[in-house]
Protein backbone atom coordinates (compact mmCIF):
# COMPACT_ATOMS: atom_id res chain seq x y z
CA MET A 1 15.08 -6.08 27.81
CA PHE A 2 12.09 -3.42 26.87
CA THR A 3 8.93 -2.60 26.87
CA GLN A 4 8.64 -1.90 23.13
CA LEU A 5 9.80 -5.00 22.40
CA ALA A 6 6.94 -6.35 24.69
CA ALA A 7 4.79 -4.85 22.30
CA LEU A 8 6.71 -6.38 19.22
CA LEU A 9 4.10 -9.45 19.25
CA ALA A 10 1.47 -9.00 21.56
CA ALA A 11 3.77 -9.30 24.66
CA ALA A 12 4.41 -13.11 24.02
CA THR A 13 6.89 -14.92 26.30
CA LEU A 14 8.61 -17.70 24.66
CA VAL A 15 6.94 -20.18 21.99
CA THR A 16 6.44 -22.67 25.05
CA GLY A 17 5.00 -19.71 27.09
CA ARG A 18 7.23 -20.03 29.84
CA ALA A 19 10.09 -18.20 31.73
CA VAL A 20 13.49 -19.27 31.08
CA ARG A 21 16.29 -20.36 33.68
CA ARG A 22 19.32 -21.91 31.95
CA ASP A 23 20.92 -25.31 33.67
CA THR A 24 23.22 -26.85 31.16
CA ALA A 25 26.29 -29.37 31.50
CA ASP A 26 28.69 -26.86 30.34
CA GLY A 27 28.91 -25.51 33.88
CA PHE A 28 28.09 -22.02 32.85
CA PRO A 29 28.31 -19.52 34.79
CA ASN A 30 31.00 -21.45 36.75
CA PRO A 31 32.45 -24.10 34.61
CA ASN A 32 35.50 -26.24 35.66
CA ALA A 33 38.89 -26.29 33.74
CA THR A 34 37.66 -29.09 31.41
CA GLN A 35 34.24 -27.34 30.63
CA LEU A 36 35.99 -24.04 29.85
CA VAL A 37 38.33 -25.50 27.31
CA VAL A 38 34.75 -26.78 25.46
CA ILE A 39 33.60 -23.52 25.72
CA GLU A 40 36.59 -21.71 24.47
CA ASN A 41 36.84 -24.19 21.64
CA THR A 42 33.35 -23.46 20.40
CA ALA A 43 33.82 -19.88 20.81
CA ASP A 44 36.60 -19.85 18.35
CA GLY A 45 38.81 -18.44 21.09
CA THR A 46 39.86 -18.29 24.70
CA LEU A 47 39.87 -16.00 27.40
CA SER A 48 42.40 -13.34 27.86
CA ASP A 49 45.73 -14.73 29.63
CA ALA A 50 46.86 -11.27 30.47
CA PRO A 51 47.15 -10.38 34.29
CA PRO A 52 44.40 -8.42 35.76
CA PRO A 53 45.15 -4.57 36.85
CA PRO A 54 46.84 -3.64 39.75
CA SER A 55 43.66 -2.01 41.14
CA LEU A 56 40.05 -0.85 40.07
CA ASN A 57 38.47 2.25 41.16
CA GLU A 58 35.35 1.24 43.45
CA SER A 59 33.14 3.45 40.85
CA SER A 60 33.81 0.64 38.29
CA ILE A 61 32.50 -2.28 40.01
CA PRO A 62 28.84 -1.54 38.78
CA ILE A 63 30.23 -1.23 34.97
CA PHE A 64 31.52 -5.03 35.17
CA GLN A 65 28.34 -5.88 37.16
CA LEU A 66 26.08 -4.40 34.31
CA ILE A 67 28.37 -6.44 31.84
CA ASN A 68 28.04 -9.40 33.71
CA PHE A 69 24.16 -9.03 34.22
CA ASN A 70 23.73 -8.44 30.44
CA GLU A 71 26.02 -10.98 29.04
CA ASN A 72 23.96 -13.72 31.35
CA PHE A 73 20.74 -12.36 29.58
CA GLU A 74 22.23 -12.85 26.23
CA VAL A 75 23.54 -16.39 27.22
CA ALA A 76 20.03 -17.49 28.27
CA PHE A 77 18.62 -15.66 25.14
CA PHE A 78 20.73 -17.60 22.74
CA ALA A 79 20.33 -20.82 24.49
CA SER A 80 16.48 -20.54 24.17
CA LEU A 81 16.80 -19.52 20.38
CA ILE A 82 19.20 -22.54 19.62
CA GLU A 83 16.79 -25.02 21.44
CA ASN A 84 13.56 -23.75 19.70
CA ILE A 85 15.49 -23.99 16.17
CA THR A 86 16.87 -27.06 16.89
CA ALA A 87 13.35 -28.71 18.52
CA ASN A 88 11.74 -27.30 15.02
CA VAL A 89 9.21 -25.51 17.35
CA ALA A 90 6.65 -23.82 15.07
CA GLY A 91 7.92 -20.67 13.61
CA PHE A 92 11.49 -21.57 13.95
CA THR A 93 11.79 -24.38 11.32
CA LEU A 94 14.61 -23.67 8.46
CA PRO A 95 15.31 -25.72 5.38
CA THR A 96 17.96 -28.52 6.81
CA GLU A 97 21.03 -27.04 5.07
CA LYS A 98 20.23 -23.29 6.69
CA LYS A 99 19.56 -24.84 9.70
CA GLU A 100 22.85 -26.38 10.37
CA GLU A 101 24.56 -23.42 9.43
CA ILE A 102 22.49 -21.10 11.80
CA LEU A 103 22.76 -23.37 14.67
CA GLU A 104 26.43 -23.67 13.95
CA ILE A 105 27.07 -19.77 13.99
CA LEU A 106 24.46 -19.30 16.95
CA GLU A 107 26.13 -22.18 19.21
CA THR A 108 29.63 -19.76 18.38
CA VAL A 109 27.68 -16.73 19.47
CA LEU A 110 26.41 -18.50 22.66
CA ALA A 111 30.03 -19.35 23.80
CA GLN A 112 31.55 -16.40 23.09
CA GLU A 113 28.95 -14.46 25.15
CA GLN A 114 29.57 -16.95 27.91
CA LEU A 115 33.17 -16.08 27.92
CA HIS A 116 32.09 -12.38 27.83
CA ALA A 117 29.95 -12.97 31.17
CA ILE A 118 32.86 -15.58 32.54
CA ASP A 119 35.48 -12.54 31.93
CA ALA A 120 33.18 -9.82 33.59
CA ALA A 121 32.71 -12.18 36.43
CA ASN A 122 36.25 -12.95 36.89
CA VAL A 123 37.07 -9.04 37.33
CA LEU A 124 34.46 -8.62 39.90
CA LYS A 125 35.72 -12.03 41.95
CA HIS A 126 39.39 -10.49 41.55
CA PHE A 127 38.60 -7.31 43.20
CA ASN A 128 36.14 -8.84 46.12
CA ALA A 129 33.09 -7.12 44.61
CA SER A 130 30.24 -7.61 47.17
CA LEU A 131 27.83 -8.92 44.31
CA ILE A 132 28.71 -10.88 41.07
CA PRO A 133 25.17 -11.30 39.22
CA LYS A 134 24.19 -14.91 38.74
CA PRO A 135 22.04 -16.03 35.67
CA CYS A 136 18.04 -14.83 36.50
CA THR A 137 14.92 -16.30 35.32
CA TYR A 138 13.75 -14.48 32.12
CA ILE A 139 11.27 -13.90 29.56
CA PHE A 140 11.90 -12.78 25.80
CA PRO A 141 8.85 -10.68 24.92
CA GLY A 142 8.16 -10.84 21.27
CA ALA A 143 10.45 -13.68 20.22
CA ILE A 144 7.69 -16.08 18.82
CA ASP A 145 9.38 -16.82 15.79
CA ILE A 146 12.63 -16.93 14.00
CA ASN A 147 12.43 -13.55 12.44
CA SER A 148 11.19 -11.90 15.55
CA SER A 149 13.68 -13.29 17.47
CA ILE A 150 16.62 -11.68 15.39
CA ALA A 151 15.05 -8.71 15.33
CA LEU A 152 15.22 -9.00 19.26
CA ALA A 153 18.90 -9.70 18.96
CA ALA A 154 19.61 -7.15 16.64
CA THR A 155 18.03 -4.59 18.86
CA PHE A 156 19.46 -5.45 22.18
CA THR A 157 23.22 -5.84 20.41
CA ASP A 158 22.48 -2.24 19.17
CA VAL A 159 21.79 -1.15 22.69
CA VAL A 160 25.11 -3.02 24.37
CA LEU A 161 27.13 -1.48 21.72
CA GLY A 162 26.12 1.92 22.93
CA THR A 163 26.43 0.81 26.38
CA LEU A 164 29.99 -0.43 26.13
CA GLN A 165 30.90 3.10 24.69
CA ASP A 166 29.78 4.53 27.96
CA ALA A 167 31.66 1.47 30.04
CA ALA A 168 34.78 2.41 28.09
CA GLU A 169 34.35 6.20 28.86
CA GLY A 170 33.46 5.73 32.58
CA LEU A 171 36.49 3.16 33.25
CA ALA A 172 38.95 6.09 31.59
CA ILE A 173 37.40 8.75 33.89
CA ASN A 174 37.89 6.55 36.95
CA GLY A 175 41.45 6.06 35.80
CA ASP A 176 41.00 2.30 35.20
CA LEU A 177 42.78 1.89 31.95
CA GLY A 178 43.76 -1.53 31.92
CA PRO A 179 40.56 -3.47 31.29
CA ILE A 180 39.59 -0.72 28.28
CA ARG A 181 41.62 -2.53 25.53
CA GLU A 182 39.32 -6.01 26.48
CA VAL A 183 36.23 -3.85 26.09
CA ALA A 184 36.74 -2.55 23.06
CA SER A 185 37.50 -5.66 21.58
CA ILE A 186 34.19 -6.88 22.62
CA ILE A 187 32.75 -3.82 21.04
CA GLY A 188 34.02 -5.23 17.88
CA GLN A 189 32.81 -8.66 18.50
CA GLU A 190 29.04 -7.59 19.32
CA GLY A 191 29.27 -5.05 16.15
CA GLN A 192 30.04 -8.28 14.00
CA GLN A 193 26.99 -9.81 15.62
CA SER A 194 25.20 -6.63 14.66
CA GLY A 195 25.92 -6.94 11.17
CA PHE A 196 24.95 -10.76 10.84
CA TYR A 197 21.87 -10.20 12.31
CA ARG A 198 20.81 -7.10 10.05
CA LEU A 199 21.56 -9.45 7.12
CA LEU A 200 19.45 -11.95 8.11
CA LEU A 201 16.66 -9.16 8.29
CA ASN A 202 17.70 -7.71 4.78
CA GLN A 203 19.42 -5.05 6.10
CA LYS A 204 22.52 -3.36 5.15
CA PRO A 205 25.13 -4.97 7.59
CA SER A 206 26.86 -1.29 8.98
CA GLU A 207 23.90 0.63 10.48
CA LYS A 208 25.51 3.83 10.63
CA PRO A 209 29.17 5.59 10.20
CA PHE A 210 29.48 5.94 14.24
CA LEU A 211 26.97 4.05 16.23
CA THR A 212 24.43 5.10 18.62
CA THR A 213 25.73 5.87 22.03
CA ASN A 214 24.00 4.83 25.33
CA VAL A 215 24.20 5.38 28.96
CA GLY A 216 24.63 2.53 31.64
CA ALA A 217 21.57 3.38 33.54
CA PHE A 218 19.30 3.38 30.38
CA ALA A 219 20.71 -0.16 29.37
CA TRP A 220 20.24 -1.31 33.00
CA SER A 221 16.44 -0.07 32.88
CA ALA A 222 15.68 -1.84 29.51
CA LEU A 223 17.00 -5.16 30.78
CA GLN A 224 14.27 -5.11 33.74
CA GLN A 225 11.74 -5.91 31.18
CA PHE A 226 13.12 -9.25 30.37
CA VAL A 227 13.76 -10.18 34.16
CA VAL A 228 11.21 -12.69 35.56
CA SER A 229 13.35 -13.11 39.20
CA CYS A 230 16.89 -13.21 40.28
CA PRO A 231 18.92 -14.49 43.01
CA PHE A 232 19.77 -11.36 44.44
CA ASN A 233 18.28 -7.94 45.06
CA LEU A 234 18.83 -5.69 41.94
CA SER A 235 19.00 -2.79 43.96
CA ASP A 236 22.64 -4.01 45.20
CA ILE A 237 23.94 -3.12 41.68
CA ALA A 238 24.32 0.66 42.21
CA ILE A 239 22.70 1.93 38.86
CA PRO A 240 19.14 3.80 38.79
CA ILE A 241 16.14 2.00 37.00
CA PHE A 242 14.09 4.22 35.37
CA PRO A 243 10.35 3.68 34.87
CA PRO A 244 9.64 2.48 31.23
CA LEU A 245 9.06 4.38 28.06
CA GLN A 246 7.27 2.78 25.51
CA VAL A 247 7.01 3.85 21.76
CA THR A 248 3.60 3.18 20.69
CA ASN A 249 4.33 3.39 16.69
CA GLY A 250 6.11 0.68 14.29
CA THR A 251 5.51 -2.45 16.13
CA GLY A 252 6.71 -0.81 19.34
CA GLY A 253 9.26 1.50 17.77
CA LEU A 254 11.25 -1.38 16.02
CA THR A 255 10.01 -0.82 12.28
CA ILE A 256 9.83 3.05 12.17
CA GLU A 257 9.83 4.68 8.50
CA PRO A 258 12.83 6.78 7.85
CA ARG A 259 10.69 10.05 7.50
CA ASP A 260 9.85 13.16 9.53
CA GLN A 261 7.04 12.12 11.64
CA ARG A 262 5.17 12.84 15.00
CA LEU A 263 5.83 9.55 17.35
CA SER A 264 3.46 8.61 20.20
CA PHE A 265 4.81 7.21 23.75
CA ILE A 266 3.51 6.21 26.93
CA ALA A 267 5.39 6.54 30.31
CA ASN A 268 4.15 4.82 33.43
CA LEU A 269 5.42 6.93 35.78
CA THR A 270 3.71 5.25 38.91
CA GLY A 271 5.90 5.65 41.93
CA SER A 272 8.48 8.12 40.67
CA SER A 273 9.22 10.85 42.88
CA LYS A 274 10.93 12.95 39.91
CA ALA A 275 7.64 13.29 38.05
CA GLU A 276 5.08 14.19 40.83
CA GLN A 277 5.48 17.59 39.96
CA PHE A 278 4.26 17.08 36.69
CA ILE A 279 1.26 14.79 37.31
CA ASN A 280 -2.23 16.18 36.10
CA GLU A 281 -0.68 19.12 34.42
CA THR A 282 -2.15 20.02 30.96
CA ASP A 283 1.07 21.25 29.61
CA PRO A 284 3.94 19.74 31.49
CA ASP A 285 7.42 21.21 30.53
CA LEU A 286 8.80 18.04 29.51
CA PHE A 287 10.69 16.76 26.62
CA VAL A 288 11.66 13.78 24.63
CA THR A 289 15.38 13.70 23.95
CA TYR A 290 16.88 11.41 21.40
CA PHE A 291 20.47 9.52 21.18
CA SER A 292 21.52 8.72 17.96
CA GLY A 293 24.79 7.97 16.48
CA GLN A 294 27.58 10.55 18.09
CA LEU A 295 25.41 13.61 17.96
CA LEU A 296 24.91 15.35 20.65
CA PRO A 297 21.48 14.75 22.63
CA ILE A 298 18.59 15.82 20.40
CA THR A 299 15.57 17.39 22.71
CA VAL A 300 12.08 18.19 21.27
CA PRO A 301 8.91 19.40 23.41
CA VAL A 302 6.06 16.59 24.37
CA GLU A 303 2.85 17.57 22.83
CA ASP A 304 -0.77 16.57 23.56
CA ALA A 305 0.04 15.45 27.07
CA GLU A 306 -2.90 13.02 28.49
CA TRP A 307 -2.76 11.68 31.94
CA PHE A 308 -4.57 8.40 32.84
CA GLY A 309 -4.30 5.11 34.83
CA GLU A 310 -4.76 4.68 38.89
CA ASN A 311 -4.14 8.14 40.16
CA ASN A 312 -3.41 9.53 36.71
CA THR A 313 0.27 8.22 37.11
CA GLN A 314 0.69 7.23 33.28
CA LEU A 315 1.31 9.59 30.87
CA ARG A 316 0.43 9.36 27.28
CA PHE A 317 2.15 12.04 24.65
CA GLY A 318 3.50 12.77 21.44
CA ALA A 319 6.88 14.21 20.28
CA GLU A 320 8.41 15.22 16.82
CA PHE A 321 10.93 12.63 15.33
CA PRO A 322 13.32 14.93 13.14
CA PHE A 323 14.88 12.21 11.06
CA GLU A 324 15.50 14.30 7.87
CA GLU A 325 17.83 16.72 9.55
CA ASN A 326 19.78 14.18 11.67
CA ILE A 327 19.57 11.17 9.25
CA LEU A 328 18.15 9.23 12.09
CA VAL A 329 18.61 5.69 10.41
CA GLY A 330 19.09 2.68 12.63
CA LEU A 331 18.94 2.54 16.68
CA THR A 332 17.74 5.81 18.37
CA ILE A 333 17.05 5.51 22.14
CA ALA A 334 14.85 8.06 23.47
CA ALA A 335 14.09 9.55 26.97
CA LEU A 336 11.33 11.76 28.70
CA THR A 337 13.29 14.37 30.39
CA THR A 338 12.78 17.73 32.48
CA LYS A 339 15.07 19.78 30.59
CA ASP A 340 16.41 20.49 27.09
CA ASN A 341 19.71 21.83 25.15
CA PHE A 342 22.05 19.29 26.76
CA THR A 343 25.93 19.03 26.25
CA SER A 344 26.72 15.79 27.28
CA TYR A 345 25.05 12.31 27.49
CA GLY A 346 25.40 12.14 31.35
CA GLU A 347 23.54 15.33 31.89
CA VAL A 348 20.41 13.21 30.14
CA VAL A 349 20.59 10.79 32.76
CA GLU A 350 20.16 13.54 35.62
CA ALA A 351 17.11 15.03 33.98
CA THR A 352 15.52 11.67 32.69
CA ILE A 353 12.07 10.74 34.50
CA ALA A 354 11.54 7.63 32.10
CA ALA A 355 13.80 5.67 29.69
CA PRO A 356 14.80 4.30 27.61
CA GLY A 357 12.36 4.02 24.37
CA LEU A 358 13.90 2.23 21.71
CA ILE A 359 13.38 3.23 17.99
CA GLU A 360 14.66 1.16 14.96
CA VAL A 361 14.40 3.08 11.58
CA VAL A 362 14.27 0.65 8.63
CA ASP A 363 16.00 2.18 5.58
CA GLY A 364 14.94 -0.20 3.02
CA ALA A 365 15.41 -3.84 2.68
CA LEU A 366 17.80 -5.97 0.41
CA SER A 367 16.50 -8.30 -2.29
CA TRP A 368 17.48 -11.61 -0.52
CA ASN A 369 16.14 -13.39 2.07
CA LEU A 370 18.73 -15.60 4.02
CA LEU A 371 16.35 -16.98 6.37
CA SER A 372 14.19 -18.62 3.59
CA ASP A 373 14.45 -21.09 0.58
C-alpha cells in the first residue's frame, strides 16, 4: 500500500520473492451458495439480509469501488500470511500451540474480509456500476517475517479505519443514509483487528481516543504501492492518484519515536502538472500537512528543499513533526501541499501534490511478547 512500507525491509516482496494472485477453492470473489455458507461459518457471521436502499447517488459508486478494491487487497494479504505461517516459511515459524491459535484467528479475519469485499461488490452489482473491481496481482513490501507482516497489517488497518470515516461522511453528504450503518459496523470490526495486531506488537490495544481520519484519495494512492497488475483500468475508478510521498526516518516512517523532531521526506513528482511550477525552486512555497486523530489538519513549512533525479522532478526535504503539542501517538498521515491553514480534510486533497506519507509513533512497549515462546 505504501511507499514507506516498501522501505520497511529493503523493499522485499514476499518471502517467496513473487507477486501474489489468489486462486482458491472457496470461490472468492464470486462464491456459490455452498461456498458462501463455508465462508460465513468461518467468519462467525453472515452477510446482512436487509434489503438494499432504493437508490444510490452516482457519486457514491467510487466509495464502494474503493472499499471493494481495498478488501480484495486485504483478502490476498491475509491469505498469503496464512500460507507462509502454515508452511513454516523461514521467519514465519511459531510454537505449535501459538501457531494453531494465530492461524485460527487469521482464518476468521480472512473470511470476514471476504464478506466485506462481497458486500461492497453486491452494492455495486445492485446499482449496475460500470466497474466492479476484481482481485489484482499484489506484492507486499516488507512482509518478510511474522512481525513485519503484523506491523504492515496494523498500519493498513489504521489507514482503513480513517478511510471508512471519510466513506461514511461521503455517503451522508450524498444522501445515501442506508449503507452508513453497515459501514459503521465494519469500522468497529476493523478496530477490533487493529487492537489485536497492536497487542501482538507489544503495544497498547487502543491507539488513541479518536482514531486518525483519512480521505479516500490518500487511501487509493497508498494502495497503488501494492499493485503489480489489475484486470481493469485503475483510471476507471474516479478517485485521484497522487505521486508517492516517502518518509525516510524510522524504518520508512513506521517506528518514529514519541518526541518533537524533524522528519525527512522524498516526493517523486515526475509527471505531476500540479508540481511543475515549483520544480527547481530553492525555497518552494510548500507545506507538509498532517492528519492525526480528529484534529484539524496541522501544517508546517517545507525546509531545505533539494531537487534531484531525472529532470529534477524528485524533491528531498525536511519538516518539523510537532509531537508534544498535538500528542501525535499512533498513526499520522502526511501530505505535501501547496497551502496551509486548512479548515477541512477535503481542502487538503485539493491542495495536495504528493501523498500519503505514513507515520507510526511507537509510544513504549508492553512487557510481554505474544509471538514468542
